[in-house]
Amino acid sequence: MTLNVPNILTLLRLLAAPGVAIMFLYFARPWADWFALVLFVVAATTDWIDGYLARAWKQETKLGAMLDPIADKAMVVIALLVICGFSGMDPWILLPATLIMFRETFVSGLREFLGDTAGTLKVTKLAKWKTAAQMTAIAVLFSTGAFETYFNMSIEGMDQVTFDQIMAREIPDEGGVLWKLNGMIYSWWVGIVLLWSAMVLTVITGADYLMKSVPYLKDT
């Protein structure tokens, strides 16, 4: 087993995957949302860095080739589970998240079944865009959770009349209710668009991988 810098970064990304969920066990929201967001973004950044270093330093190894997709899928699946949880199983999030997790699990099983043959099925540019869309969507939706928590904290104990006056800008918004609400709404819509776009790319790349695998499956 070769532990060079790219492989170490991949291992750290793999360890960071459960860390995203653990943030919500040890920290109160919205701190948990921000810590999870930072950890996720830093870990996602290493996905590009370790691949770049492995190619630049000619340190591409079988270990790295095995761990890299596992780390990516673990990060995406665990983060989506967390987001589905704090979103209250919102169908706009649950449906694409389910299809994404199904595809990732199916392709992982297919790669394991194909064994060494899976290495001949190269990762396409579309698959890289898929991963980028997934991770960007997840990062944005983590920020939505933070904005939502701030908003709920701001209106806690506030009567309906005061809330309506703030919304109508009839009284000063001293608690920042409006910007927190806007942050929650805009980040939610951006996250949803990105998540559904990622779902479409995920389904397309999954179908493409299956079609490319068919000749090898016929030989089994």
Protein backbone atom coordinates (compact mmCIF):
# COMPACT_ATOMS: atom_id res chain seq x y z
CA MET A 1 0.00 0.00 0.00
CA THR A 2 1.54 3.31 -1.16
CA LEU A 3 0.80 6.29 1.09
CA ASN A 4 1.88 9.33 -0.90
CA VAL A 5 0.44 12.85 -0.54
CA PRO A 6 -2.45 12.35 -3.01
CA ASN A 7 -3.48 9.12 -1.27
CA ILE A 8 -3.30 10.75 2.15
CA LEU A 9 -5.60 13.55 0.94
CA THR A 10 -8.02 10.94 -0.38
CA LEU A 11 -7.98 9.11 2.96
CA LEU A 12 -8.64 12.37 4.81
CA ARG A 13 -11.58 13.05 2.49
CA LEU A 14 -12.93 9.59 3.25
CA LEU A 15 -12.65 10.23 7.00
CA ALA A 16 -14.31 13.63 6.58
CA ALA A 17 -17.46 12.02 5.14
CA PRO A 18 -18.87 10.77 8.48
CA GLY A 19 -17.52 13.92 10.12
CA VAL A 20 -20.17 15.94 8.28
CA ALA A 21 -22.91 14.04 10.12
CA ILE A 22 -21.03 14.05 13.42
CA MET A 23 -21.08 17.87 13.40
CA PHE A 24 -24.84 17.70 14.08
CA LEU A 25 -24.30 15.40 17.07
CA TYR A 26 -21.86 17.61 18.94
CA PHE A 27 -22.80 21.15 17.92
CA ALA A 28 -26.04 23.11 18.05
CA ARG A 29 -27.44 24.65 14.91
CA PRO A 30 -26.58 26.92 13.10
CA TRP A 31 -22.96 26.18 14.13
CA ALA A 32 -23.38 22.57 13.07
CA ASP A 33 -24.53 23.71 9.62
CA TRP A 34 -21.55 26.02 9.16
CA PHE A 35 -19.02 23.49 10.48
CA ALA A 36 -20.48 20.79 8.23
CA LEU A 37 -20.39 23.20 5.29
CA VAL A 38 -16.74 24.14 5.88
CA LEU A 39 -15.70 20.52 6.39
CA PHE A 40 -17.57 19.45 3.26
CA VAL A 41 -16.13 22.23 1.08
CA VAL A 42 -12.57 21.61 2.29
CA ALA A 43 -12.94 17.87 1.71
CA ALA A 44 -14.51 18.42 -1.72
CA THR A 45 -11.60 20.68 -2.67
CA THR A 46 -9.14 17.88 -1.97
CA ASP A 47 -10.96 15.83 -4.63
CA TRP A 48 -9.47 18.12 -7.27
CA ILE A 49 -6.15 18.62 -5.48
CA ASP A 50 -5.30 14.94 -4.97
CA GLY A 51 -6.10 14.11 -8.60
CA TYR A 52 -4.02 17.03 -9.85
CA LEU A 53 -1.04 16.13 -7.64
CA ALA A 54 -1.23 12.44 -8.56
CA ARG A 55 -1.01 13.31 -12.26
CA ALA A 56 1.55 16.10 -11.87
CA TRP A 57 3.85 14.06 -9.63
CA LYS A 58 3.17 10.79 -11.48
CA GLN A 59 1.97 9.19 -8.26
CA GLU A 60 -1.19 7.53 -9.55
CA THR A 61 -1.65 4.24 -7.68
CA LYS A 62 -4.19 1.42 -7.50
CA LEU A 63 -4.95 2.43 -3.92
CA GLY A 64 -5.80 5.96 -4.99
CA ALA A 65 -7.88 4.72 -7.92
CA MET A 66 -9.86 2.53 -5.52
CA LEU A 67 -10.31 5.03 -2.69
CA ASP A 68 -11.10 8.14 -4.75
CA PRO A 69 -14.59 7.11 -5.97
CA ILE A 70 -15.39 5.57 -2.57
CA ALA A 71 -14.53 8.84 -0.80
CA ASP A 72 -16.59 10.88 -3.27
CA LYS A 73 -19.64 8.63 -2.94
CA ALA A 74 -19.36 8.46 0.86
CA MET A 75 -19.26 12.26 1.09
CA VAL A 76 -22.25 12.72 -1.21
CA VAL A 77 -24.42 9.98 0.32
CA ILE A 78 -23.80 10.94 3.96
CA ALA A 79 -24.27 14.66 3.26
CA LEU A 80 -27.54 14.00 1.42
CA LEU A 81 -28.81 11.89 4.32
CA VAL A 82 -28.08 14.77 6.71
CA ILE A 83 -29.78 17.32 4.43
CA CYS A 84 -32.85 15.08 4.02
CA GLY A 85 -33.02 14.86 7.80
CA PHE A 86 -32.92 18.56 8.63
CA SER A 87 -35.14 19.46 5.65
CA GLY A 88 -37.96 17.40 7.12
CA MET A 89 -37.90 14.95 4.20
CA ASP A 90 -38.87 17.69 1.75
CA PRO A 91 -39.92 15.87 -1.46
CA TRP A 92 -38.06 18.44 -3.58
CA ILE A 93 -34.89 17.22 -1.86
CA LEU A 94 -35.83 13.63 -1.05
CA LEU A 95 -36.62 12.57 -4.65
CA PRO A 96 -33.36 13.69 -6.32
CA ALA A 97 -31.37 12.59 -3.26
CA THR A 98 -32.91 9.10 -3.47
CA LEU A 99 -32.11 8.75 -7.17
CA ILE A 100 -28.57 10.01 -6.65
CA MET A 101 -27.93 7.60 -3.77
CA PHE A 102 -29.48 4.72 -5.72
CA ARG A 103 -27.27 5.39 -8.72
CA GLU A 104 -24.11 5.72 -6.64
CA THR A 105 -24.85 2.47 -4.79
CA PHE A 106 -25.74 0.64 -8.01
CA VAL A 107 -22.60 1.76 -9.84
CA SER A 108 -20.42 0.89 -6.84
CA GLY A 109 -21.87 -2.62 -6.81
CA LEU A 110 -21.43 -2.90 -10.55
CA ARG A 111 -17.80 -1.82 -10.34
CA GLU A 112 -17.17 -4.38 -7.61
CA PHE A 113 -18.80 -7.12 -9.71
CA LEU A 114 -16.74 -6.22 -12.77
CA GLY A 115 -13.53 -6.29 -10.73
CA ASP A 116 -10.42 -5.38 -12.74
CA THR A 117 -12.56 -4.81 -15.81
CA ALA A 118 -14.04 -1.72 -14.17
CA GLY A 119 -10.68 -0.01 -14.54
CA THR A 120 -11.05 -0.07 -18.31
CA LEU A 121 -14.24 2.03 -18.08
CA LYS A 122 -12.79 5.51 -17.91
CA VAL A 123 -14.46 8.35 -16.01
CA THR A 124 -16.08 10.72 -18.50
CA LYS A 125 -16.09 14.51 -18.36
CA LEU A 126 -19.85 14.36 -17.82
CA ALA A 127 -19.29 12.20 -14.75
CA LYS A 128 -16.88 14.82 -13.39
CA TRP A 129 -19.50 17.51 -13.98
CA LYS A 130 -21.97 15.28 -12.16
CA THR A 131 -19.74 15.10 -9.10
CA ALA A 132 -19.11 18.86 -9.18
CA ALA A 133 -22.87 19.57 -9.43
CA GLN A 134 -23.62 17.21 -6.54
CA MET A 135 -21.04 18.76 -4.25
CA THR A 136 -22.00 22.35 -5.13
CA ALA A 137 -25.68 21.61 -4.52
CA ILE A 138 -24.91 20.02 -1.16
CA ALA A 139 -22.76 22.98 -0.07
CA VAL A 140 -25.52 25.45 -0.97
CA LEU A 141 -28.19 23.40 0.84
CA PHE A 142 -26.04 23.31 3.99
CA SER A 143 -26.09 27.12 3.92
CA THR A 144 -29.89 26.97 3.55
CA GLY A 145 -30.06 25.03 6.79
CA ALA A 146 -28.00 27.69 8.55
CA PHE A 147 -30.14 30.56 7.20
CA GLU A 148 -33.30 28.71 8.24
CA THR A 149 -32.01 28.30 11.78
CA TYR A 150 -31.04 31.98 12.03
CA PHE A 151 -34.47 32.97 10.70
CA ASN A 152 -36.32 30.78 13.20
CA MET A 153 -34.20 32.17 16.02
CA SER A 154 -35.03 35.74 14.92
CA ILE A 155 -38.81 35.24 14.91
CA GLU A 156 -38.97 33.11 18.05
CA GLY A 157 -41.51 34.71 20.40
CA MET A 158 -42.43 37.36 17.81
CA ASP A 159 -46.15 38.02 17.39
CA GLN A 160 -47.78 37.87 13.94
CA VAL A 161 -48.50 41.60 13.81
CA THR A 162 -44.85 42.51 14.36
CA PHE A 163 -43.74 39.92 11.81
CA ASP A 164 -46.17 41.27 9.20
CA GLN A 165 -44.99 44.84 9.84
CA ILE A 166 -41.36 43.80 9.35
CA MET A 167 -42.27 42.01 6.12
CA ALA A 168 -44.09 45.14 4.91
CA ARG A 169 -41.12 47.27 6.02
CA GLU A 170 -43.39 49.36 8.21
CA ILE A 171 -41.04 49.05 11.20
CA PRO A 172 -37.25 48.68 11.42
CA ASP A 173 -35.92 45.15 10.92
CA GLU A 174 -33.54 45.25 13.89
CA GLY A 175 -33.18 41.48 14.07
CA GLY A 176 -32.29 41.05 10.40
CA VAL A 177 -35.37 38.92 9.76
CA LEU A 178 -35.62 39.94 6.10
CA TRP A 179 -32.06 39.14 5.05
CA LYS A 180 -32.18 35.82 6.87
CA LEU A 181 -35.47 34.94 5.17
CA ASN A 182 -34.11 35.99 1.77
CA GLY A 183 -30.92 34.02 2.36
CA MET A 184 -32.99 30.95 3.21
CA ILE A 185 -35.28 31.31 0.17
CA TYR A 186 -32.62 32.13 -2.44
CA SER A 187 -30.13 29.50 -1.26
CA TRP A 188 -32.95 26.91 -1.21
CA TRP A 189 -33.91 27.61 -4.81
CA VAL A 190 -30.31 27.66 -6.01
CA GLY A 191 -29.63 24.43 -4.12
CA ILE A 192 -32.76 22.76 -5.52
CA VAL A 193 -31.92 23.72 -9.12
CA LEU A 194 -28.37 22.43 -8.67
CA LEU A 195 -29.55 19.24 -6.96
CA TRP A 196 -32.05 18.41 -9.70
CA SER A 197 -29.43 19.21 -12.34
CA ALA A 198 -27.05 16.87 -10.51
CA MET A 199 -29.77 14.21 -10.45
CA VAL A 200 -30.21 14.42 -14.23
CA LEU A 201 -26.45 14.14 -14.78
CA THR A 202 -26.29 11.31 -12.25
CA VAL A 203 -28.98 9.29 -14.05
CA ILE A 204 -27.42 9.93 -17.48
CA THR A 205 -23.91 8.94 -16.38
CA GLY A 206 -25.28 5.91 -14.53
CA ALA A 207 -27.09 4.72 -17.64
CA ASP A 208 -23.96 5.36 -19.72
CA TYR A 209 -21.83 3.31 -17.30
CA LEU A 210 -24.37 0.46 -17.38
CA MET A 211 -24.44 0.43 -21.20
CA LYS A 212 -20.65 0.33 -21.37
CA SER A 213 -20.66 -2.54 -18.88
CA VAL A 214 -23.12 -4.70 -20.83
CA PRO A 215 -20.46 -6.37 -23.07
CA TYR A 216 -18.51 -7.42 -20.00
CA LEU A 217 -21.65 -8.63 -18.22
CA LYS A 218 -22.46 -10.87 -21.19
CA ASP A 219 -19.14 -12.61 -20.75
CA THR A 220 -19.86 -13.55 -17.12
